[in-house]
């Protein structure tokens, strides 16, 4: 897989993160809130690791 493909997938993941954050704002989420919060945390870690590994690819995005 080339860097451009990975970068495109990370961009897609970042957009899905925003949806999960919006879910956390819903008052009727119940116990799913724990799972959604965990997913957000793991996505943040994935994005941070990508940016650390390929810092030049995140400039100008």
N, C-alpha and C. Protein backbone atom coordinates (compact mmCIF):
# COMPACT_ATOMS: atom_id res chain seq x y z
N UNK A 1 0.85 -1.16 0.00
CA UNK A 1 0.00 0.00 0.00
C UNK A 1 0.90 1.24 0.00
N UNK A 2 0.64 2.17 -0.89
CA UNK A 2 1.48 3.35 -0.96
C UNK A 2 1.02 4.42 0.04
N UNK A 3 1.87 5.40 0.25
CA UNK A 3 1.62 6.45 1.25
C UNK A 3 0.35 7.23 0.93
N UNK A 4 0.09 7.49 -0.33
CA UNK A 4 -1.12 8.25 -0.69
C UNK A 4 -2.38 7.49 -0.28
N UNK A 5 -2.41 6.19 -0.47
CA UNK A 5 -3.56 5.38 -0.08
C UNK A 5 -3.74 5.41 1.43
N UNK A 6 -2.65 5.29 2.17
CA UNK A 6 -2.72 5.33 3.63
C UNK A 6 -3.23 6.70 4.08
N UNK A 7 -2.73 7.75 3.46
CA UNK A 7 -3.15 9.11 3.80
C UNK A 7 -4.65 9.29 3.55
N UNK A 8 -5.15 8.76 2.45
CA UNK A 8 -6.58 8.85 2.13
C UNK A 8 -7.41 8.09 3.17
N UNK A 9 -6.91 6.95 3.60
CA UNK A 9 -7.65 6.18 4.60
C UNK A 9 -7.65 6.88 5.96
N UNK A 10 -6.55 7.51 6.31
CA UNK A 10 -6.49 8.26 7.56
C UNK A 10 -7.47 9.43 7.51
N UNK A 11 -7.57 10.09 6.37
CA UNK A 11 -8.53 11.18 6.21
C UNK A 11 -9.95 10.67 6.40
N UNK A 12 -10.25 9.50 5.86
CA UNK A 12 -11.56 8.89 6.03
C UNK A 12 -11.82 8.57 7.50
N UNK A 13 -10.82 8.04 8.17
CA UNK A 13 -10.94 7.72 9.59
C UNK A 13 -11.20 8.98 10.40
N UNK A 14 -10.49 10.06 10.07
CA UNK A 14 -10.69 11.33 10.78
C UNK A 14 -12.13 11.82 10.62
N UNK A 15 -12.72 11.63 9.45
CA UNK A 15 -14.11 12.07 9.26
C UNK A 15 -15.07 11.21 10.07
N UNK A 16 -14.78 9.95 10.22
CA UNK A 16 -15.64 9.08 11.02
C UNK A 16 -15.52 9.41 12.51
N UNK A 17 -14.37 9.91 12.92
CA UNK A 17 -14.17 10.32 14.31
C UNK A 17 -15.18 11.41 14.69
N UNK A 18 -15.39 12.35 13.78
CA UNK A 18 -16.33 13.44 14.05
C UNK A 18 -17.74 12.90 14.30
N UNK A 19 -18.13 11.87 13.57
CA UNK A 19 -19.43 11.25 13.79
C UNK A 19 -19.52 10.65 15.19
N UNK A 20 -18.45 9.98 15.62
CA UNK A 20 -18.44 9.38 16.95
C UNK A 20 -18.52 10.45 18.03
N UNK A 21 -17.84 11.57 17.83
CA UNK A 21 -17.91 12.67 18.80
C UNK A 21 -19.34 13.20 18.88
N UNK A 22 -20.02 13.29 17.74
CA UNK A 22 -21.42 13.74 17.75
C UNK A 22 -22.30 12.74 18.51
N UNK A 23 -22.01 11.45 18.38
CA UNK A 23 -22.77 10.45 19.12
C UNK A 23 -22.63 10.63 20.63
N UNK A 24 -21.43 11.00 21.07
CA UNK A 24 -21.20 11.20 22.50
C UNK A 24 -22.08 12.31 23.08
N UNK A 25 -22.53 13.22 22.25
CA UNK A 25 -23.37 14.32 22.70
C UNK A 25 -24.82 13.92 22.91
N UNK A 26 -25.19 12.74 22.44
CA UNK A 26 -26.57 12.28 22.57
C UNK A 26 -26.82 11.77 23.99
N UNK A 27 -27.88 12.26 24.63
CA UNK A 27 -28.14 11.88 26.02
C UNK A 27 -28.65 10.44 26.19
N UNK A 28 -29.21 9.85 25.12
CA UNK A 28 -29.81 8.52 25.23
C UNK A 28 -28.87 7.40 24.79
N UNK A 29 -27.58 7.62 24.84
CA UNK A 29 -26.61 6.64 24.37
C UNK A 29 -26.45 5.47 25.34
N UNK A 30 -26.69 5.71 26.61
CA UNK A 30 -26.61 4.65 27.61
C UNK A 30 -25.20 4.09 27.75
N UNK A 31 -25.13 2.77 27.90
CA UNK A 31 -23.83 2.13 28.12
C UNK A 31 -22.96 2.10 26.87
N UNK A 32 -23.55 2.38 25.71
CA UNK A 32 -22.76 2.45 24.48
C UNK A 32 -21.78 3.61 24.53
N UNK A 33 -22.03 4.58 25.41
CA UNK A 33 -21.15 5.73 25.55
C UNK A 33 -19.71 5.28 25.83
N UNK A 34 -19.57 4.23 26.63
CA UNK A 34 -18.24 3.70 26.97
C UNK A 34 -17.53 3.21 25.71
N UNK A 35 -18.24 2.45 24.87
CA UNK A 35 -17.64 1.92 23.64
C UNK A 35 -17.31 3.03 22.65
N UNK A 36 -18.20 4.00 22.52
CA UNK A 36 -17.97 5.11 21.59
C UNK A 36 -16.77 5.93 22.07
N UNK A 37 -16.71 6.19 23.36
CA UNK A 37 -15.58 6.93 23.90
C UNK A 37 -14.27 6.19 23.66
N UNK A 38 -14.27 4.88 23.85
CA UNK A 38 -13.08 4.07 23.60
C UNK A 38 -12.67 4.14 22.12
N UNK A 39 -13.65 4.09 21.24
CA UNK A 39 -13.37 4.18 19.80
C UNK A 39 -12.72 5.52 19.46
N UNK A 40 -13.22 6.60 20.05
CA UNK A 40 -12.64 7.93 19.80
C UNK A 40 -11.19 7.97 20.28
N UNK A 41 -10.96 7.43 21.47
CA UNK A 41 -9.60 7.42 22.01
C UNK A 41 -8.65 6.62 21.11
N UNK A 42 -9.10 5.47 20.63
CA UNK A 42 -8.25 4.64 19.77
C UNK A 42 -8.00 5.30 18.41
N UNK A 43 -9.01 5.97 17.87
CA UNK A 43 -8.81 6.70 16.62
C UNK A 43 -7.81 7.84 16.81
N UNK A 44 -7.90 8.53 17.94
CA UNK A 44 -6.94 9.60 18.23
C UNK A 44 -5.52 9.06 18.29
N UNK A 45 -5.36 7.90 18.91
CA UNK A 45 -4.03 7.28 18.99
C UNK A 45 -3.53 6.89 17.59
N UNK A 46 -4.40 6.32 16.78
CA UNK A 46 -4.03 5.93 15.42
C UNK A 46 -3.59 7.14 14.60
N UNK A 47 -4.37 8.21 14.67
CA UNK A 47 -4.05 9.42 13.93
C UNK A 47 -2.73 10.02 14.41
N UNK A 48 -2.53 10.04 15.72
CA UNK A 48 -1.28 10.58 16.28
C UNK A 48 -0.08 9.75 15.84
N UNK A 49 -0.22 8.43 15.86
CA UNK A 49 0.88 7.56 15.42
C UNK A 49 1.20 7.77 13.94
N UNK A 50 0.17 7.95 13.13
CA UNK A 50 0.40 8.21 11.71
C UNK A 50 1.16 9.51 11.53
N UNK A 51 0.75 10.54 12.26
CA UNK A 51 1.40 11.85 12.15
C UNK A 51 2.84 11.80 12.64
N UNK A 52 3.12 10.99 13.66
CA UNK A 52 4.49 10.83 14.14
C UNK A 52 5.33 10.07 13.13
N UNK A 53 4.75 9.06 12.51
CA UNK A 53 5.49 8.23 11.57
C UNK A 53 5.73 8.94 10.25
N UNK A 54 4.74 9.70 9.80
CA UNK A 54 4.84 10.40 8.52
C UNK A 54 4.55 11.89 8.70
N UNK A 55 5.38 12.60 9.43
CA UNK A 55 5.07 14.02 9.69
C UNK A 55 5.01 14.86 8.41
N UNK A 56 5.79 14.51 7.41
CA UNK A 56 5.79 15.29 6.18
C UNK A 56 4.49 15.13 5.39
N UNK A 57 3.77 14.02 5.62
CA UNK A 57 2.54 13.79 4.86
C UNK A 57 1.36 14.54 5.44
N UNK A 58 1.47 15.03 6.67
CA UNK A 58 0.35 15.75 7.28
C UNK A 58 0.44 17.24 7.07
N UNK A 59 1.54 17.72 6.54
CA UNK A 59 1.67 19.14 6.26
C UNK A 59 0.92 19.47 4.99
N UNK A 60 0.13 20.52 5.06
CA UNK A 60 -0.61 20.95 3.87
C UNK A 60 -1.84 20.12 3.59
N UNK A 61 -2.28 19.30 4.56
CA UNK A 61 -3.47 18.48 4.36
C UNK A 61 -4.72 19.30 4.55
